[in-house]
N, C-alpha and C. Protein backbone atom coordinates (compact mmCIF):
# COMPACT_ATOMS: atom_id res chain seq x y z
N MET A 1 -7.61 -19.74 -28.57
CA MET A 1 -7.53 -18.31 -28.51
C MET A 1 -7.62 -17.81 -27.07
N ARG A 2 -8.59 -18.41 -26.29
CA ARG A 2 -8.73 -18.02 -24.91
C ARG A 2 -7.46 -18.32 -24.13
N LEU A 3 -6.85 -19.43 -24.45
CA LEU A 3 -5.62 -19.82 -23.77
C LEU A 3 -4.52 -18.80 -24.06
N LEU A 4 -4.43 -18.32 -25.27
CA LEU A 4 -3.43 -17.34 -25.66
C LEU A 4 -3.66 -16.02 -24.92
N VAL A 5 -4.90 -15.57 -24.83
CA VAL A 5 -5.23 -14.34 -24.12
C VAL A 5 -4.92 -14.50 -22.64
N LEU A 6 -5.26 -15.64 -22.05
CA LEU A 6 -4.99 -15.90 -20.65
C LEU A 6 -3.49 -15.89 -20.37
N MET A 7 -2.71 -16.52 -21.23
CA MET A 7 -1.25 -16.54 -21.07
C MET A 7 -0.66 -15.14 -21.20
N PHE A 8 -1.21 -14.36 -22.11
CA PHE A 8 -0.75 -12.99 -22.30
C PHE A 8 -1.04 -12.15 -21.06
N ALA A 9 -2.22 -12.30 -20.49
CA ALA A 9 -2.61 -11.56 -19.29
C ALA A 9 -1.72 -11.94 -18.10
N VAL A 10 -1.43 -13.21 -17.95
CA VAL A 10 -0.56 -13.67 -16.86
C VAL A 10 0.85 -13.12 -17.05
N ALA A 11 1.34 -13.10 -18.26
CA ALA A 11 2.68 -12.58 -18.55
C ALA A 11 2.76 -11.10 -18.22
N LEU A 12 1.76 -10.33 -18.58
CA LEU A 12 1.75 -8.90 -18.27
C LEU A 12 1.68 -8.65 -16.76
N ALA A 13 0.87 -9.40 -16.07
CA ALA A 13 0.73 -9.22 -14.63
C ALA A 13 2.02 -9.56 -13.89
N SER A 14 2.74 -10.54 -14.35
CA SER A 14 3.97 -10.94 -13.66
C SER A 14 5.16 -10.06 -14.03
N ALA A 15 5.07 -9.34 -15.14
CA ALA A 15 6.18 -8.48 -15.57
C ALA A 15 6.32 -7.26 -14.68
N GLY A 16 5.25 -6.79 -14.06
CA GLY A 16 5.32 -5.64 -13.18
C GLY A 16 5.34 -4.34 -13.97
N CYS A 17 5.59 -3.25 -13.24
CA CYS A 17 5.60 -1.92 -13.85
C CYS A 17 6.90 -1.71 -14.61
N SER A 18 6.79 -0.97 -15.69
CA SER A 18 7.98 -0.71 -16.48
C SER A 18 8.58 0.66 -16.18
N HIS A 19 7.90 1.48 -15.37
CA HIS A 19 8.45 2.79 -15.05
C HIS A 19 9.37 2.71 -13.82
N THR A 20 10.08 3.78 -13.55
CA THR A 20 11.03 3.81 -12.45
C THR A 20 10.33 3.64 -11.11
N GLN A 21 10.85 2.76 -10.29
CA GLN A 21 10.29 2.53 -8.96
C GLN A 21 10.79 3.58 -7.99
N ARG A 22 9.92 4.04 -7.10
CA ARG A 22 10.32 4.99 -6.07
C ARG A 22 11.18 4.27 -5.05
N PRO A 23 12.27 4.89 -4.59
CA PRO A 23 13.12 4.25 -3.58
C PRO A 23 12.42 4.21 -2.23
N GLU A 24 12.87 3.31 -1.39
CA GLU A 24 12.33 3.19 -0.04
C GLU A 24 12.64 4.46 0.75
N PRO A 25 11.69 4.92 1.58
CA PRO A 25 11.95 6.11 2.39
C PRO A 25 12.83 5.75 3.60
N GLN A 26 14.09 5.51 3.34
CA GLN A 26 15.04 5.18 4.39
C GLN A 26 16.25 6.08 4.26
N ILE A 27 17.13 6.02 5.22
CA ILE A 27 18.35 6.83 5.20
C ILE A 27 19.44 6.04 4.50
N TYR A 28 20.12 6.69 3.56
CA TYR A 28 21.21 6.07 2.82
C TYR A 28 22.52 6.72 3.25
N ILE A 29 23.50 5.92 3.65
CA ILE A 29 24.79 6.43 4.07
C ILE A 29 25.67 6.59 2.83
N ILE A 30 26.19 7.80 2.66
CA ILE A 30 27.06 8.10 1.53
C ILE A 30 28.51 7.87 1.91
N SER A 31 28.91 8.39 3.06
CA SER A 31 30.27 8.14 3.56
C SER A 31 30.26 8.27 5.08
N GLU A 32 31.32 7.78 5.71
CA GLU A 32 31.41 7.77 7.16
C GLU A 32 31.62 9.17 7.75
N ASN A 33 32.09 10.12 6.93
CA ASN A 33 32.23 11.49 7.41
C ASN A 33 31.88 12.47 6.29
N ALA A 34 31.59 13.69 6.68
CA ALA A 34 31.16 14.71 5.73
C ALA A 34 32.32 15.60 5.29
N GLU A 35 33.53 15.16 5.53
CA GLU A 35 34.71 15.94 5.19
C GLU A 35 34.77 16.20 3.68
N GLY A 36 34.99 17.45 3.32
CA GLY A 36 35.13 17.83 1.91
C GLY A 36 33.84 18.25 1.23
N VAL A 37 32.71 18.15 1.91
CA VAL A 37 31.44 18.53 1.30
C VAL A 37 31.40 20.03 1.08
N GLY A 38 31.07 20.44 -0.12
CA GLY A 38 30.90 21.86 -0.45
C GLY A 38 32.18 22.65 -0.62
N THR A 39 33.34 22.00 -0.59
CA THR A 39 34.59 22.76 -0.67
C THR A 39 34.79 23.45 -2.01
N ALA A 40 34.27 22.88 -3.08
CA ALA A 40 34.42 23.51 -4.39
C ALA A 40 33.45 24.67 -4.58
N LEU A 41 32.45 24.76 -3.72
CA LEU A 41 31.45 25.81 -3.84
C LEU A 41 31.86 27.09 -3.14
N GLY A 42 32.79 26.99 -2.21
CA GLY A 42 33.18 28.17 -1.45
C GLY A 42 32.13 28.60 -0.45
N ILE A 43 31.25 27.66 -0.06
CA ILE A 43 30.22 28.02 0.91
C ILE A 43 30.27 27.11 2.12
N GLY A 44 31.40 26.50 2.39
CA GLY A 44 31.49 25.63 3.55
C GLY A 44 31.26 26.40 4.82
N GLY A 45 30.74 25.75 5.82
CA GLY A 45 30.49 26.41 7.11
C GLY A 45 29.45 27.50 6.97
N ALA A 46 29.80 28.72 7.37
CA ALA A 46 28.84 29.83 7.36
C ALA A 46 28.77 30.48 6.00
N GLY A 47 29.54 30.01 5.04
CA GLY A 47 29.48 30.59 3.71
C GLY A 47 30.83 31.08 3.25
N GLY A 48 30.90 31.50 2.02
CA GLY A 48 32.14 31.97 1.44
C GLY A 48 32.58 33.29 2.03
N HIS A 49 31.65 34.05 2.58
CA HIS A 49 31.94 35.35 3.19
C HIS A 49 31.43 35.33 4.61
N ASP A 50 32.10 36.06 5.46
CA ASP A 50 31.61 36.27 6.81
C ASP A 50 30.82 37.58 6.76
N CYS A 51 29.52 37.47 6.58
CA CYS A 51 28.68 38.65 6.39
C CYS A 51 28.76 39.61 7.57
N GLN A 52 28.81 39.06 8.78
CA GLN A 52 28.89 39.93 9.96
C GLN A 52 30.19 40.71 9.97
N LYS A 53 31.29 40.04 9.66
CA LYS A 53 32.58 40.73 9.64
C LYS A 53 32.61 41.80 8.56
N GLU A 54 32.06 41.47 7.38
CA GLU A 54 32.00 42.46 6.30
C GLU A 54 31.15 43.66 6.70
N HIS A 55 30.08 43.42 7.45
CA HIS A 55 29.21 44.51 7.91
C HIS A 55 29.98 45.43 8.86
N GLU A 56 30.71 44.84 9.78
CA GLU A 56 31.49 45.63 10.74
C GLU A 56 32.57 46.44 10.03
N GLU A 57 33.23 45.84 9.03
CA GLU A 57 34.25 46.56 8.27
C GLU A 57 33.63 47.71 7.47
N CYS A 58 32.44 47.47 6.93
CA CYS A 58 31.74 48.51 6.19
C CYS A 58 31.43 49.69 7.10
N MET A 59 30.93 49.41 8.29
CA MET A 59 30.62 50.48 9.25
C MET A 59 31.88 51.27 9.61
N GLU A 60 32.97 50.56 9.82
CA GLU A 60 34.23 51.23 10.17
C GLU A 60 34.73 52.12 9.04
N ARG A 61 34.68 51.60 7.79
CA ARG A 61 35.11 52.40 6.63
C ARG A 61 34.22 53.63 6.47
N CYS A 62 32.93 53.43 6.58
CA CYS A 62 31.99 54.54 6.42
C CYS A 62 32.22 55.59 7.49
N TRP A 63 32.39 55.15 8.72
CA TRP A 63 32.57 56.09 9.83
C TRP A 63 33.84 56.90 9.68
N LYS A 64 34.89 56.29 9.13
CA LYS A 64 36.16 57.01 8.95
C LYS A 64 36.05 58.07 7.87
N LYS A 65 35.11 57.94 6.95
CA LYS A 65 34.93 58.92 5.88
C LYS A 65 34.25 60.21 6.36
N ARG A 66 33.74 60.25 7.57
CA ARG A 66 32.95 61.39 8.04
C ARG A 66 33.76 62.65 8.28
N TYR A 67 35.04 62.52 8.43
CA TYR A 67 35.88 63.68 8.73
C TYR A 67 35.90 64.64 7.55
N PRO A 68 35.86 65.91 7.64
CA PRO A 68 35.83 66.70 8.87
C PRO A 68 34.43 66.93 9.42
N TRP A 69 33.39 66.54 8.70
CA TRP A 69 32.03 66.77 9.21
C TRP A 69 31.37 65.44 9.45
N PRO A 70 30.59 65.25 10.38
CA PRO A 70 30.37 66.11 11.56
C PRO A 70 31.54 66.00 12.54
N HIS A 71 31.69 67.05 13.33
CA HIS A 71 32.82 67.13 14.24
C HIS A 71 32.66 66.31 15.51
N ASN A 72 31.47 66.21 16.06
CA ASN A 72 31.31 65.53 17.34
C ASN A 72 30.15 64.54 17.28
N SER A 73 30.00 63.79 18.36
CA SER A 73 28.99 62.74 18.38
C SER A 73 27.57 63.29 18.31
N LYS A 74 27.32 64.49 18.84
CA LYS A 74 25.98 65.07 18.77
C LYS A 74 25.60 65.37 17.31
N GLN A 75 26.56 65.80 16.53
CA GLN A 75 26.31 66.16 15.14
C GLN A 75 26.36 64.94 14.21
N SER A 76 26.80 63.81 14.71
CA SER A 76 27.04 62.66 13.83
C SER A 76 25.88 61.68 13.77
N GLY A 77 24.76 61.96 14.41
CA GLY A 77 23.63 61.05 14.40
C GLY A 77 23.13 60.73 13.01
N TRP A 78 22.98 61.77 12.17
CA TRP A 78 22.50 61.54 10.81
C TRP A 78 23.50 60.72 10.00
N TYR A 79 24.80 60.94 10.25
CA TYR A 79 25.81 60.22 9.49
C TYR A 79 25.84 58.75 9.91
N TYR A 80 25.65 58.48 11.20
CA TYR A 80 25.59 57.11 11.69
C TYR A 80 24.41 56.38 11.05
N GLN A 81 23.28 57.05 10.94
CA GLN A 81 22.11 56.46 10.30
C GLN A 81 22.39 56.13 8.83
N ARG A 82 23.12 57.00 8.16
CA ARG A 82 23.47 56.76 6.75
C ARG A 82 24.37 55.53 6.63
N CYS A 83 25.38 55.44 7.47
CA CYS A 83 26.28 54.28 7.45
C CYS A 83 25.51 53.00 7.75
N THR A 84 24.64 53.07 8.74
CA THR A 84 23.84 51.90 9.11
C THR A 84 22.99 51.44 7.94
N SER A 85 22.36 52.37 7.27
CA SER A 85 21.49 52.03 6.14
C SER A 85 22.28 51.43 4.98
N ASP A 86 23.39 52.08 4.61
CA ASP A 86 24.20 51.59 3.49
C ASP A 86 24.78 50.21 3.78
N CYS A 87 25.31 50.02 4.97
CA CYS A 87 25.95 48.75 5.32
C CYS A 87 24.93 47.65 5.54
N LYS A 88 23.73 48.02 6.00
CA LYS A 88 22.67 47.02 6.17
C LYS A 88 22.28 46.43 4.81
N ASP A 89 22.21 47.28 3.80
CA ASP A 89 21.89 46.80 2.46
C ASP A 89 22.94 45.81 1.96
N GLN A 90 24.21 46.13 2.20
CA GLN A 90 25.30 45.25 1.80
C GLN A 90 25.23 43.92 2.57
N TYR A 91 24.94 43.99 3.86
CA TYR A 91 24.82 42.79 4.69
C TYR A 91 23.68 41.90 4.19
N ASN A 92 22.53 42.49 3.95
CA ASN A 92 21.37 41.72 3.47
C ASN A 92 21.67 41.05 2.13
N GLU A 93 22.37 41.72 1.26
CA GLU A 93 22.74 41.13 -0.04
C GLU A 93 23.67 39.94 0.15
N CYS A 94 24.61 40.05 1.07
CA CYS A 94 25.54 38.96 1.37
C CYS A 94 24.78 37.73 1.88
N VAL A 95 23.87 37.94 2.81
CA VAL A 95 23.08 36.84 3.37
C VAL A 95 22.22 36.21 2.27
N LYS A 96 21.62 37.01 1.43
CA LYS A 96 20.77 36.52 0.35
C LYS A 96 21.57 35.65 -0.63
N GLU A 97 22.77 36.09 -0.98
CA GLU A 97 23.63 35.32 -1.88
C GLU A 97 23.99 33.97 -1.28
N GLN A 98 24.28 33.94 0.01
CA GLN A 98 24.62 32.69 0.67
C GLN A 98 23.43 31.74 0.69
N GLU A 99 22.24 32.24 0.96
CA GLU A 99 21.05 31.40 0.95
C GLU A 99 20.80 30.81 -0.43
N GLU A 100 20.95 31.63 -1.47
CA GLU A 100 20.74 31.15 -2.83
C GLU A 100 21.76 30.08 -3.19
N ALA A 101 22.99 30.24 -2.73
CA ALA A 101 24.02 29.26 -3.02
C ALA A 101 23.73 27.93 -2.33
N ARG A 102 23.19 27.99 -1.11
CA ARG A 102 22.87 26.76 -0.37
C ARG A 102 21.66 26.04 -0.95
N GLN A 103 20.66 26.80 -1.38
CA GLN A 103 19.41 26.19 -1.80
C GLN A 103 19.28 26.04 -3.31
N GLY A 104 20.19 26.61 -4.04
CA GLY A 104 20.03 26.68 -5.49
C GLY A 104 20.19 25.37 -6.23
N LYS A 105 20.82 24.38 -5.65
CA LYS A 105 21.12 23.17 -6.39
C LYS A 105 20.14 22.06 -6.06
N LYS A 106 19.54 21.48 -7.09
CA LYS A 106 18.64 20.34 -6.92
C LYS A 106 19.10 19.28 -7.90
N LEU A 107 19.34 18.10 -7.40
CA LEU A 107 19.82 17.01 -8.24
C LEU A 107 18.70 16.03 -8.48
N GLU A 108 18.64 15.47 -9.70
CA GLU A 108 17.61 14.49 -10.03
C GLU A 108 18.24 13.25 -10.64
N PHE A 109 17.81 12.09 -10.16
CA PHE A 109 18.29 10.80 -10.66
C PHE A 109 17.11 9.85 -10.79
N SER A 110 17.26 8.84 -11.64
CA SER A 110 16.18 7.87 -11.79
C SER A 110 16.34 6.69 -10.83
N ARG A 111 17.59 6.42 -10.39
CA ARG A 111 17.83 5.29 -9.48
C ARG A 111 18.70 5.74 -8.32
N MET A 112 18.50 5.11 -7.18
CA MET A 112 19.25 5.48 -5.98
C MET A 112 20.73 5.19 -6.12
N ASP A 113 21.11 4.08 -6.75
CA ASP A 113 22.53 3.77 -6.90
C ASP A 113 23.25 4.84 -7.73
N GLN A 114 22.57 5.41 -8.73
CA GLN A 114 23.16 6.50 -9.51
C GLN A 114 23.40 7.72 -8.63
N ALA A 115 22.40 8.05 -7.81
CA ALA A 115 22.51 9.21 -6.93
C ALA A 115 23.66 9.06 -5.94
N LEU A 116 23.73 7.90 -5.29
CA LEU A 116 24.79 7.67 -4.30
C LEU A 116 26.17 7.71 -4.93
N ASP A 117 26.32 7.08 -6.08
CA ASP A 117 27.62 7.09 -6.77
C ASP A 117 28.02 8.50 -7.16
N TRP A 118 27.08 9.28 -7.71
CA TRP A 118 27.40 10.63 -8.16
C TRP A 118 27.80 11.51 -6.97
N ILE A 119 27.05 11.42 -5.88
CA ILE A 119 27.36 12.24 -4.71
C ILE A 119 28.71 11.85 -4.12
N ARG A 120 29.02 10.56 -4.07
CA ARG A 120 30.33 10.13 -3.56
C ARG A 120 31.47 10.71 -4.40
N GLN A 121 31.28 10.75 -5.70
CA GLN A 121 32.33 11.24 -6.59
C GLN A 121 32.40 12.77 -6.64
N HIS A 122 31.33 13.46 -6.25
CA HIS A 122 31.26 14.92 -6.37
C HIS A 122 30.94 15.60 -5.04
N LYS A 123 31.45 15.06 -3.94
CA LYS A 123 31.17 15.62 -2.62
C LYS A 123 31.52 17.10 -2.53
N ALA A 124 32.58 17.50 -3.17
CA ALA A 124 33.02 18.89 -3.09
C ALA A 124 32.07 19.84 -3.82
N GLU A 125 31.24 19.31 -4.71
CA GLU A 125 30.36 20.15 -5.52
C GLU A 125 28.95 20.30 -4.98
N VAL A 126 28.65 19.64 -3.87
CA VAL A 126 27.31 19.73 -3.28
C VAL A 126 27.41 20.29 -1.87
N ALA A 127 26.36 20.95 -1.45
CA ALA A 127 26.33 21.53 -0.10
C ALA A 127 25.36 20.74 0.77
N LEU A 128 25.58 20.79 2.06
CA LEU A 128 24.60 20.21 2.97
C LEU A 128 23.28 20.94 2.77
N GLY A 129 22.20 20.19 2.76
CA GLY A 129 20.89 20.79 2.53
C GLY A 129 20.43 20.69 1.08
N THR A 130 21.30 20.16 0.21
CA THR A 130 20.93 19.99 -1.19
C THR A 130 19.79 18.99 -1.31
N VAL A 131 18.78 19.33 -2.10
CA VAL A 131 17.66 18.43 -2.34
C VAL A 131 18.03 17.49 -3.48
N VAL A 132 17.84 16.19 -3.25
CA VAL A 132 18.14 15.17 -4.26
C VAL A 132 16.84 14.42 -4.54
N VAL A 133 16.39 14.44 -5.79
CA VAL A 133 15.16 13.75 -6.17
C VAL A 133 15.55 12.46 -6.88
N VAL A 134 15.07 11.33 -6.34
CA VAL A 134 15.38 10.02 -6.90
C VAL A 134 14.07 9.32 -7.23
N GLY A 135 13.82 9.11 -8.51
CA GLY A 135 12.60 8.44 -8.92
C GLY A 135 11.34 9.12 -8.41
N GLY A 136 11.36 10.44 -8.28
CA GLY A 136 10.20 11.18 -7.80
C GLY A 136 10.14 11.37 -6.30
N ALA A 137 11.00 10.72 -5.54
CA ALA A 137 11.03 10.88 -4.09
C ALA A 137 12.13 11.86 -3.72
N ALA A 138 11.82 12.78 -2.80
CA ALA A 138 12.77 13.82 -2.41
C ALA A 138 13.57 13.40 -1.18
N PHE A 139 14.87 13.64 -1.25
CA PHE A 139 15.80 13.38 -0.16
C PHE A 139 16.62 14.65 0.06
N VAL A 140 17.24 14.76 1.22
CA VAL A 140 18.09 15.90 1.52
C VAL A 140 19.45 15.39 1.97
N LEU A 141 20.50 16.06 1.51
CA LEU A 141 21.87 15.71 1.88
C LEU A 141 22.17 16.36 3.23
N THR A 142 22.52 15.55 4.21
CA THR A 142 22.75 16.06 5.56
C THR A 142 23.77 15.18 6.28
N THR A 143 24.00 15.47 7.55
CA THR A 143 24.91 14.63 8.33
C THR A 143 24.15 13.93 9.43
N GLY A 144 24.63 12.75 9.77
CA GLY A 144 24.02 11.97 10.86
C GLY A 144 24.63 12.35 12.19
N GLY A 145 24.16 11.73 13.25
CA GLY A 145 24.63 12.03 14.59
C GLY A 145 26.12 11.82 14.78
N ALA A 146 26.71 10.84 14.11
CA ALA A 146 28.13 10.55 14.27
C ALA A 146 28.99 11.27 13.23
N GLY A 147 28.37 12.17 12.45
CA GLY A 147 29.11 12.92 11.46
C GLY A 147 29.13 12.29 10.09
N ALA A 148 28.40 11.20 9.91
CA ALA A 148 28.35 10.53 8.61
C ALA A 148 27.54 11.38 7.63
N LEU A 149 27.94 11.36 6.37
CA LEU A 149 27.21 12.05 5.32
C LEU A 149 26.09 11.12 4.86
N ILE A 150 24.84 11.61 4.97
CA ILE A 150 23.70 10.74 4.65
C ILE A 150 22.74 11.43 3.70
N LEU A 151 21.93 10.62 3.07
CA LEU A 151 20.83 11.08 2.23
C LEU A 151 19.56 10.64 2.93
N ALA A 152 18.83 11.61 3.49
CA ALA A 152 17.64 11.31 4.30
C ALA A 152 16.39 11.71 3.55
N PRO A 153 15.30 10.96 3.75
CA PRO A 153 14.03 11.33 3.11
C PRO A 153 13.62 12.73 3.56
N LEU A 154 13.12 13.53 2.63
CA LEU A 154 12.70 14.88 2.97
C LEU A 154 11.50 14.87 3.90
N ALA A 155 10.60 13.90 3.72
CA ALA A 155 9.45 13.71 4.60
C ALA A 155 9.18 12.23 4.74
N LEU A 156 8.96 11.78 5.94
CA LEU A 156 8.67 10.36 6.17
C LEU A 156 7.20 10.09 6.05
């Protein structure tokens, strides 16, 4: 009986953990370049909209609506403040939407090979800065010094 218990204990100890192992905190290369990342999201580069350009266009449209009142620059101070306020709200909303689009996606996988394969196949659907959780460890999708698309540990 003791022999059976001893053999059982040795078998359990050598089998190891049955839950998902955390990946090593190292950098994983997804591809040699980041070309095509985020193209399906419409947020490549500075985002789907140029918020600054939209703000300038808003100010121009608003300012053109002032005719016939006020007639001159001395009388137009209050109207300029109104345009600034209205267009500032629109600008802030644009920036907020872009931030939400960049940070909104979090991917979770149980194994690193699953994560790497999925990202390689869906590069257009993820944005730089996307958080990827693999086996409980957090990584971020970013680019390396030579432009390679990498998955880097969120904290070392």
